[in-house]
Amino acid sequence: MADITREELFRTIIIKASLKQEVYKNTLETFSWLKEIIKDLVSDFQLQSESKKIPFEVNFKSEFEIELKFAGDILLFVMHTNVFEFSRDHEIWRGNYLREDKDRSYCGIINIYNFLADSFKYNRYNDLGYLIGRVFINKELHYFIEGKREIGLLYRNFGTAIMDKNSAVSIIQSAILYTINFDLLTPNYDAVKEVRVSDLKATLDSMTLTTGKRLGFRFQADREENNEK
């Protein structure tokens, strides 16, 4: 280990910690915008004439978790409390934005998951949820999105995409739109042709047969399915 003075050591700690605190602050601010926008969406939806027939409600489960329920779906927005750095083999390093300042690669993450509402209602713990998108925010409030279809196509240019309330609106609306169009498919026959006696003795709502819109988390799955058709 190279010799280092106590002052240099302390300075290194301060610089890295300050960087991560700045990233965390920006991520938390973004998450606060999501909360505010979702709350407004719920209020606006309830003014619709047909709104009483369709559930559209929000539950702020914790400081870092938002549960948005609409129709038969749930979107979970979950902010991770830690700060991450992009791996060296990530495509984000291909541009000059990170090369000019390595500290820009440190990001907070907000994950967006889709679950069936009945999975929560009936405690079907074997049901599958899907990571449909994740939002990365750095020290400069620049952001990058990895995700499926509408979400993943929003902003891929980390160097120019800056997070603000309008960007947060686009992310939420795209996540809802994707979820609405992400339909439940019947499972493969061979996957459900056998069932345990214990499952059949349980009530229908608590059966341990796995239910999910798709199987797997690969971001390219939808595109591959379309190509096969």
C-alpha atoms as a PDB file:
ATOM      1  CA  MET A   1       0.000   0.000   0.000  1.00  0.00           C
ATOM      2  CA  ALA A   2       1.379   3.376  -1.000  1.00  0.00           C
ATOM      3  CA  ASP A   3       2.320   5.778   1.767  1.00  0.00           C
ATOM      4  CA  ILE A   4      -0.371   8.341   2.446  1.00  0.00           C
ATOM      5  CA  THR A   5      -0.576  11.063   5.011  1.00  0.00           C
ATOM      6  CA  ARG A   6      -3.400  11.278   7.478  1.00  0.00           C
ATOM      7  CA  GLU A   7      -4.553  14.516   5.865  1.00  0.00           C
ATOM      8  CA  GLU A   8      -4.662  12.873   2.421  1.00  0.00           C
ATOM      9  CA  LEU A   9      -6.628   9.967   3.820  1.00  0.00           C
ATOM     10  CA  PHE A  10      -9.164  12.261   5.436  1.00  0.00           C
ATOM     11  CA  ARG A  11      -9.420  14.337   2.280  1.00  0.00           C
ATOM     12  CA  THR A  12     -10.148  11.204   0.215  1.00  0.00           C
ATOM     13  CA  ILE A  13     -12.897  10.182   2.611  1.00  0.00           C
ATOM     14  CA  ILE A  14     -14.455  13.653   2.509  1.00  0.00           C
ATOM     15  CA  ILE A  15     -14.393  13.867  -1.298  1.00  0.00           C
ATOM     16  CA  LYS A  16     -15.960  10.437  -1.865  1.00  0.00           C
ATOM     17  CA  ALA A  17     -18.542  10.860   0.888  1.00  0.00           C
ATOM     18  CA  SER A  18     -19.523  14.327  -0.368  1.00  0.00           C
ATOM     19  CA  LEU A  19     -19.979  12.963  -3.880  1.00  0.00           C
ATOM     20  CA  LYS A  20     -22.263  10.182  -2.683  1.00  0.00           C
ATOM     21  CA  GLN A  21     -24.242  12.570  -0.508  1.00  0.00           C
ATOM     22  CA  GLU A  22     -24.861  14.808  -3.526  1.00  0.00           C
ATOM     23  CA  VAL A  23     -26.023  11.838  -5.611  1.00  0.00           C
ATOM     24  CA  TYR A  24     -28.283  10.656  -2.802  1.00  0.00           C
ATOM     25  CA  LYS A  25     -29.800  14.129  -2.426  1.00  0.00           C
ATOM     26  CA  ASN A  26     -30.610  14.285  -6.156  1.00  0.00           C
ATOM     27  CA  THR A  27     -32.115  10.807  -6.133  1.00  0.00           C
ATOM     28  CA  LEU A  28     -34.254  11.612  -3.112  1.00  0.00           C
ATOM     29  CA  GLU A  29     -35.426  14.835  -4.763  1.00  0.00           C
ATOM     30  CA  THR A  30     -36.399  12.877  -7.867  1.00  0.00           C
ATOM     31  CA  PHE A  31     -38.298  10.388  -5.734  1.00  0.00           C
ATOM     32  CA  SER A  32     -40.131  13.268  -4.042  1.00  0.00           C
ATOM     33  CA  TRP A  33     -41.215  14.500  -7.475  1.00  0.00           C
ATOM     34  CA  LEU A  34     -42.535  11.028  -8.286  1.00  0.00           C
ATOM     35  CA  LYS A  35     -44.585  11.052  -5.089  1.00  0.00           C
ATOM     36  CA  GLU A  36     -46.034  14.470  -5.840  1.00  0.00           C
ATOM     37  CA  ILE A  37     -46.869  13.650  -9.461  1.00  0.00           C
ATOM     38  CA  ILE A  38     -48.460  10.290  -8.644  1.00  0.00           C
ATOM     39  CA  LYS A  39     -50.562  11.906  -5.922  1.00  0.00           C
ATOM     40  CA  ASP A  40     -51.806  14.490  -8.449  1.00  0.00           C
ATOM     41  CA  LEU A  41     -52.540  11.753 -11.014  1.00  0.00           C
ATOM     42  CA  VAL A  42     -54.684   9.896  -8.499  1.00  0.00           C
ATOM     43  CA  SER A  43     -56.604  13.068  -7.647  1.00  0.00           C
ATOM     44  CA  ASP A  44     -57.178  13.887 -11.323  1.00  0.00           C
ATOM     45  CA  PHE A  45     -58.304  10.345 -12.125  1.00  0.00           C
ATOM     46  CA  GLN A  46     -60.902  10.421  -9.386  1.00  0.00           C
ATOM     47  CA  LEU A  47     -62.552  13.357 -11.159  1.00  0.00           C
ATOM     48  CA  GLN A  48     -63.285  11.183 -14.189  1.00  0.00           C
ATOM     49  CA  SER A  49     -66.920  10.119 -14.537  1.00  0.00           C
ATOM     50  CA  GLU A  50     -66.054   6.424 -14.752  1.00  0.00           C
ATOM     51  CA  SER A  51     -63.330   6.499 -12.119  1.00  0.00           C
ATOM     52  CA  LYS A  52     -65.402   4.794  -9.395  1.00  0.00           C
ATOM     53  CA  LYS A  53     -65.504   1.597 -11.442  1.00  0.00           C
ATOM     54  CA  ILE A  54     -61.722   1.407 -11.847  1.00  0.00           C
ATOM     55  CA  PRO A  55     -59.283   1.466  -8.911  1.00  0.00           C
ATOM     56  CA  PHE A  56     -56.546   4.073  -9.174  1.00  0.00           C
ATOM     57  CA  GLU A  57     -54.914   4.710  -5.838  1.00  0.00           C
ATOM     58  CA  VAL A  58     -51.554   5.277  -4.216  1.00  0.00           C
ATOM     59  CA  ASN A  59     -50.047   3.967  -1.024  1.00  0.00           C
ATOM     60  CA  PHE A  60     -46.840   5.548   0.234  1.00  0.00           C
ATOM     61  CA  LYS A  61     -45.604   2.404   1.938  1.00  0.00           C
ATOM     62  CA  SER A  62     -42.402   3.979   3.238  1.00  0.00           C
ATOM     63  CA  GLU A  63     -40.076   6.887   2.611  1.00  0.00           C
ATOM     64  CA  PHE A  64     -38.536   4.939  -0.252  1.00  0.00           C
ATOM     65  CA  GLU A  65     -41.447   2.948  -1.672  1.00  0.00           C
ATOM     66  CA  ILE A  66     -44.509   4.036  -3.645  1.00  0.00           C
ATOM     67  CA  GLU A  67     -47.286   1.594  -4.505  1.00  0.00           C
ATOM     68  CA  LEU A  68     -49.513   2.742  -7.358  1.00  0.00           C
ATOM     69  CA  LYS A  69     -52.515   0.507  -7.983  1.00  0.00           C
ATOM     70  CA  PHE A  70     -54.616   0.870 -11.105  1.00  0.00           C
ATOM     71  CA  ALA A  71     -57.049  -1.565 -12.709  1.00  0.00           C
ATOM     72  CA  GLY A  72     -55.551  -5.023 -12.107  1.00  0.00           C
ATOM     73  CA  ASP A  73     -51.951  -3.893 -11.763  1.00  0.00           C
ATOM     74  CA  ILE A  74     -49.555  -2.470  -9.236  1.00  0.00           C
ATOM     75  CA  LEU A  75     -46.484  -0.398  -9.973  1.00  0.00           C
ATOM     76  CA  LEU A  76     -43.879  -0.220  -7.236  1.00  0.00           C
ATOM     77  CA  PHE A  77     -41.389   2.633  -7.342  1.00  0.00           C
ATOM     78  CA  VAL A  78     -38.525   1.768  -5.014  1.00  0.00           C
ATOM     79  CA  MET A  79     -35.593   4.037  -4.313  1.00  0.00           C
ATOM     80  CA  HIS A  80     -32.388   2.325  -3.259  1.00  0.00           C
ATOM     81  CA  THR A  81     -30.670   4.117  -0.395  1.00  0.00           C
ATOM     82  CA  ASN A  82     -27.154   3.359  -1.646  1.00  0.00           C
ATOM     83  CA  VAL A  83     -25.122   4.890  -4.460  1.00  0.00           C
ATOM     84  CA  PHE A  84     -23.719   2.753  -7.271  1.00  0.00           C
ATOM     85  CA  GLU A  85     -21.150   3.104 -10.036  1.00  0.00           C
ATOM     86  CA  PHE A  86     -21.583   1.773 -13.570  1.00  0.00           C
ATOM     87  CA  SER A  87     -19.373  -1.228 -14.311  1.00  0.00           C
ATOM     88  CA  ARG A  88     -16.596  -0.699 -16.829  1.00  0.00           C
ATOM     89  CA  ASP A  89     -18.260  -2.906 -19.425  1.00  0.00           C
ATOM     90  CA  HIS A  90     -21.536  -0.976 -19.350  1.00  0.00           C
ATOM     91  CA  GLU A  91     -22.531   0.731 -22.589  1.00  0.00           C
ATOM     92  CA  ILE A  92     -22.787   4.072 -20.801  1.00  0.00           C
ATOM     93  CA  TRP A  93     -18.994   4.426 -20.928  1.00  0.00           C
ATOM     94  CA  ARG A  94     -19.026   4.588 -24.737  1.00  0.00           C
ATOM     95  CA  GLY A  95     -19.868   8.283 -24.684  1.00  0.00           C
ATOM     96  CA  ASN A  96     -17.650  11.160 -23.624  1.00  0.00           C
ATOM     97  CA  TYR A  97     -19.868  12.292 -20.768  1.00  0.00           C
ATOM     98  CA  LEU A  98     -18.422   9.865 -18.217  1.00  0.00           C
ATOM     99  CA  ARG A  99     -14.955   9.863 -19.697  1.00  0.00           C
ATOM    100  CA  GLU A 100     -14.675  13.595 -19.062  1.00  0.00           C
ATOM    101  CA  ASP A 101     -15.524  13.145 -15.382  1.00  0.00           C
ATOM    102  CA  LYS A 102     -15.502   9.685 -13.805  1.00  0.00           C
ATOM    103  CA  ASP A 103     -17.494  10.953 -10.818  1.00  0.00           C
ATOM    104  CA  ARG A 104     -20.500  11.302 -13.110  1.00  0.00           C
ATOM    105  CA  SER A 105     -20.749   7.500 -13.171  1.00  0.00           C
ATOM    106  CA  TYR A 106     -21.890   7.378  -9.538  1.00  0.00           C
ATOM    107  CA  CYS A 107     -25.674   7.121  -9.468  1.00  0.00           C
ATOM    108  CA  GLY A 108     -28.668   6.585  -7.279  1.00  0.00           C
ATOM    109  CA  ILE A 109     -31.241   4.082  -8.546  1.00  0.00           C
ATOM    110  CA  ILE A 110     -35.038   4.067  -8.596  1.00  0.00           C
ATOM    111  CA  ASN A 111     -36.453   0.681  -9.605  1.00  0.00           C
ATOM    112  CA  ILE A 112     -39.907   0.291 -11.143  1.00  0.00           C
ATOM    113  CA  TYR A 113     -41.635  -3.082 -10.686  1.00  0.00           C
ATOM    114  CA  ASN A 114     -44.923  -4.368 -12.067  1.00  0.00           C
ATOM    115  CA  PHE A 115     -47.059  -6.850 -10.129  1.00  0.00           C
ATOM    116  CA  LEU A 116     -50.587  -8.163 -10.511  1.00  0.00           C
ATOM    117  CA  ALA A 117     -52.837  -6.524  -7.929  1.00  0.00           C
ATOM    118  CA  ASP A 118     -54.363  -9.911  -7.074  1.00  0.00           C
ATOM    119  CA  SER A 119     -50.925 -11.217  -6.126  1.00  0.00           C
ATOM    120  CA  PHE A 120     -50.932  -8.794  -3.195  1.00  0.00           C
ATOM    121  CA  LYS A 121     -54.668  -9.019  -2.473  1.00  0.00           C
ATOM    122  CA  TYR A 122     -54.658 -12.800  -2.144  1.00  0.00           C
ATOM    123  CA  ASN A 123     -51.130 -13.179  -0.750  1.00  0.00           C
ATOM    124  CA  ARG A 124     -49.949 -15.258  -3.700  1.00  0.00           C
ATOM    125  CA  TYR A 125     -46.318 -15.214  -2.690  1.00  0.00           C
ATOM    126  CA  ASN A 126     -45.194 -17.391  -5.589  1.00  0.00           C
ATOM    127  CA  ASP A 127     -46.437 -14.937  -8.206  1.00  0.00           C
ATOM    128  CA  LEU A 128     -43.905 -13.101 -10.308  1.00  0.00           C
ATOM    129  CA  GLY A 129     -43.145  -9.403 -10.469  1.00  0.00           C
ATOM    130  CA  TYR A 130     -41.181  -7.720 -13.243  1.00  0.00           C
ATOM    131  CA  LEU A 131     -38.542  -5.053 -13.239  1.00  0.00           C
ATOM    132  CA  ILE A 132     -39.813  -2.906 -16.108  1.00  0.00           C
ATOM    133  CA  GLY A 133     -37.362  -0.060 -15.660  1.00  0.00           C
ATOM    134  CA  ARG A 134     -34.694   1.513 -13.508  1.00  0.00           C
ATOM    135  CA  VAL A 135     -33.709   5.149 -13.395  1.00  0.00           C
ATOM    136  CA  PHE A 136     -30.135   6.250 -12.670  1.00  0.00           C
ATOM    137  CA  ILE A 137     -29.511   9.796 -11.352  1.00  0.00           C
ATOM    138  CA  ASN A 138     -26.054  11.302 -10.864  1.00  0.00           C
ATOM    139  CA  LYS A 139     -24.513  14.294  -9.092  1.00  0.00           C
ATOM    140  CA  GLU A 140     -25.536  16.686 -11.888  1.00  0.00           C
ATOM    141  CA  LEU A 141     -29.167  15.480 -11.974  1.00  0.00           C
ATOM    142  CA  HIS A 142     -28.468  13.835 -15.306  1.00  0.00           C
ATOM    143  CA  TYR A 143     -30.305  10.570 -15.707  1.00  0.00           C
ATOM    144  CA  PHE A 144     -30.279   7.394 -17.720  1.00  0.00           C
ATOM    145  CA  ILE A 145     -33.021   4.782 -18.028  1.00  0.00           C
ATOM    146  CA  GLU A 146     -32.768   1.053 -18.591  1.00  0.00           C
ATOM    147  CA  GLY A 147     -36.077  -0.577 -19.268  1.00  0.00           C
ATOM    148  CA  LYS A 148     -38.669  -2.078 -21.527  1.00  0.00           C
ATOM    149  CA  ARG A 149     -40.263  -0.487 -24.584  1.00  0.00           C
ATOM    150  CA  GLU A 150     -41.767   2.914 -23.761  1.00  0.00           C
ATOM    151  CA  ILE A 151     -39.699   3.364 -20.607  1.00  0.00           C
ATOM    152  CA  GLY A 152     -36.358   2.343 -22.055  1.00  0.00           C
ATOM    153  CA  LEU A 153     -36.844   4.555 -25.087  1.00  0.00           C
ATOM    154  CA  LEU A 154     -37.369   7.746 -23.083  1.00  0.00           C
ATOM    155  CA  TYR A 155     -33.784   8.867 -22.581  1.00  0.00           C
ATOM    156  CA  ARG A 156     -30.619   7.018 -23.397  1.00  0.00           C
ATOM    157  CA  ASN A 157     -28.332  10.037 -23.691  1.00  0.00           C
ATOM    158  CA  PHE A 158     -26.875  10.437 -20.237  1.00  0.00           C
ATOM    159  CA  GLY A 159     -24.967  13.546 -21.249  1.00  0.00           C
ATOM    160  CA  THR A 160     -28.021  15.639 -22.146  1.00  0.00           C
ATOM    161  CA  ALA A 161     -30.962  14.180 -20.203  1.00  0.00           C
ATOM    162  CA  ILE A 162     -31.569  16.243 -17.060  1.00  0.00           C
ATOM    163  CA  MET A 163     -34.081  15.180 -14.446  1.00  0.00           C
ATOM    164  CA  ASP A 164     -36.872  17.605 -13.609  1.00  0.00           C
ATOM    165  CA  LYS A 165     -40.599  17.363 -12.905  1.00  0.00           C
ATOM    166  CA  ASN A 166     -41.452  17.095 -16.594  1.00  0.00           C
ATOM    167  CA  SER A 167     -39.052  14.184 -16.957  1.00  0.00           C
ATOM    168  CA  ALA A 168     -40.586  12.534 -13.902  1.00  0.00           C
ATOM    169  CA  VAL A 169     -44.060  12.906 -15.453  1.00  0.00           C
ATOM    170  CA  SER A 170     -42.860  11.188 -18.641  1.00  0.00           C
ATOM    171  CA  ILE A 171     -41.348   8.318 -16.678  1.00  0.00           C
ATOM    172  CA  ILE A 172     -44.526   7.690 -14.671  1.00  0.00           C
ATOM    173  CA  GLN A 173     -46.883   7.929 -17.641  1.00  0.00           C
ATOM    174  CA  SER A 174     -44.665   5.668 -19.735  1.00  0.00           C
ATOM    175  CA  ALA A 175     -44.503   3.103 -16.939  1.00  0.00           C
ATOM    176  CA  ILE A 176     -48.304   3.098 -16.653  1.00  0.00           C
ATOM    177  CA  LEU A 177     -48.756   2.859 -20.424  1.00  0.00           C
ATOM    178  CA  TYR A 178     -46.307  -0.021 -20.664  1.00  0.00           C
ATOM    179  CA  THR A 179     -48.046  -1.847 -17.824  1.00  0.00           C
ATOM    180  CA  ILE A 180     -51.486  -1.429 -19.392  1.00  0.00           C
ATOM    181  CA  ASN A 181     -50.214  -2.952 -22.646  1.00  0.00           C
ATOM    182  CA  PHE A 182     -48.248  -5.702 -20.879  1.00  0.00           C
ATOM    183  CA  ASP A 183     -50.986  -8.327 -20.840  1.00  0.00           C
ATOM    184  CA  LEU A 184     -51.328 -11.500 -18.839  1.00  0.00           C
ATOM    185  CA  LEU A 185     -50.552 -14.576 -20.916  1.00  0.00           C
ATOM    186  CA  THR A 186     -51.811 -18.043 -20.182  1.00  0.00           C
ATOM    187  CA  PRO A 187     -48.979 -20.199 -18.827  1.00  0.00           C
ATOM    188  CA  ASN A 188     -47.508 -22.990 -20.905  1.00  0.00           C
ATOM    189  CA  TYR A 189     -49.570 -26.164 -20.484  1.00  0.00           C
ATOM    190  CA  ASP A 190     -46.555 -28.277 -19.551  1.00  0.00           C
ATOM    191  CA  ALA A 191     -45.688 -25.825 -16.793  1.00  0.00           C
ATOM    192  CA  VAL A 192     -49.020 -26.290 -14.990  1.00  0.00           C
ATOM    193  CA  LYS A 193     -50.117 -29.817 -15.943  1.00  0.00           C
ATOM    194  CA  GLU A 194     -49.098 -31.182 -12.542  1.00  0.00           C
ATOM    195  CA  VAL A 195     -50.371 -29.917  -9.219  1.00  0.00           C
ATOM    196  CA  ARG A 196     -49.841 -30.986  -5.619  1.00  0.00           C
ATOM    197  CA  VAL A 197     -52.721 -32.209  -3.469  1.00  0.00           C
ATOM    198  CA  SER A 198     -51.840 -29.546  -0.916  1.00  0.00           C
ATOM    199  CA  ASP A 199     -52.396 -26.880  -3.563  1.00  0.00           C
ATOM    200  CA  LEU A 200     -55.846 -28.195  -4.425  1.00  0.00           C
ATOM    201  CA  LYS A 201     -56.861 -28.353  -0.769  1.00  0.00           C
ATOM    202  CA  ALA A 202     -55.987 -24.714  -0.358  1.00  0.00           C
ATOM    203  CA  THR A 203     -58.440 -22.046  -1.409  1.00  0.00           C
ATOM    204  CA  LEU A 204     -58.279 -20.864  -4.993  1.00  0.00           C
ATOM    205  CA  ASP A 205     -56.980 -17.455  -3.976  1.00  0.00           C
ATOM    206  CA  SER A 206     -54.048 -18.854  -2.035  1.00  0.00           C
ATOM    207  CA  MET A 207     -52.957 -21.566  -4.449  1.00  0.00           C
ATOM    208  CA  THR A 208     -49.217 -21.723  -4.887  1.00  0.00           C
ATOM    209  CA  LEU A 209     -49.447 -22.032  -8.646  1.00  0.00           C
ATOM    210  CA  THR A 210     -47.257 -19.265 -10.007  1.00  0.00           C
ATOM    211  CA  THR A 211     -48.990 -16.457 -11.897  1.00  0.00           C
ATOM    212  CA  GLY A 212     -47.205 -13.776 -13.886  1.00  0.00           C
ATOM    213  CA  LYS A 213     -47.520 -11.782 -17.070  1.00  0.00           C
ATOM    214  CA  ARG A 214     -44.331 -13.272 -18.482  1.00  0.00           C
ATOM    215  CA  LEU A 215     -41.518 -15.454 -17.241  1.00  0.00           C
ATOM    216  CA  GLY A 216     -38.134 -13.791 -16.877  1.00  0.00           C
ATOM    217  CA  PHE A 217     -36.656 -10.345 -16.453  1.00  0.00           C
ATOM    218  CA  ARG A 218     -34.647  -9.923 -19.673  1.00  0.00           C
ATOM    219  CA  PHE A 219     -35.130  -6.448 -21.098  1.00  0.00           C
ATOM    220  CA  GLN A 220     -34.979  -7.778 -24.671  1.00  0.00           C
ATOM    221  CA  ALA A 221     -37.732 -10.359 -24.156  1.00  0.00           C
ATOM    222  CA  ASP A 222     -40.537  -8.281 -25.652  1.00  0.00           C
ATOM    223  CA  ARG A 223     -38.571  -7.448 -28.772  1.00  0.00           C
ATOM    224  CA  GLU A 224     -37.639 -11.095 -29.263  1.00  0.00           C
ATOM    225  CA  GLU A 225     -41.263 -12.165 -28.876  1.00  0.00           C
ATOM    226  CA  ASN A 226     -42.338  -9.695 -31.530  1.00  0.00           C
ATOM    227  CA  ASN A 227     -39.662 -10.901 -33.910  1.00  0.00           C
ATOM    228  CA  GLU A 228     -40.879 -14.464 -33.585  1.00  0.00           C
ATOM    229  CA  LYS A 229     -44.434 -13.583 -34.562  1.00  0.00           C
END
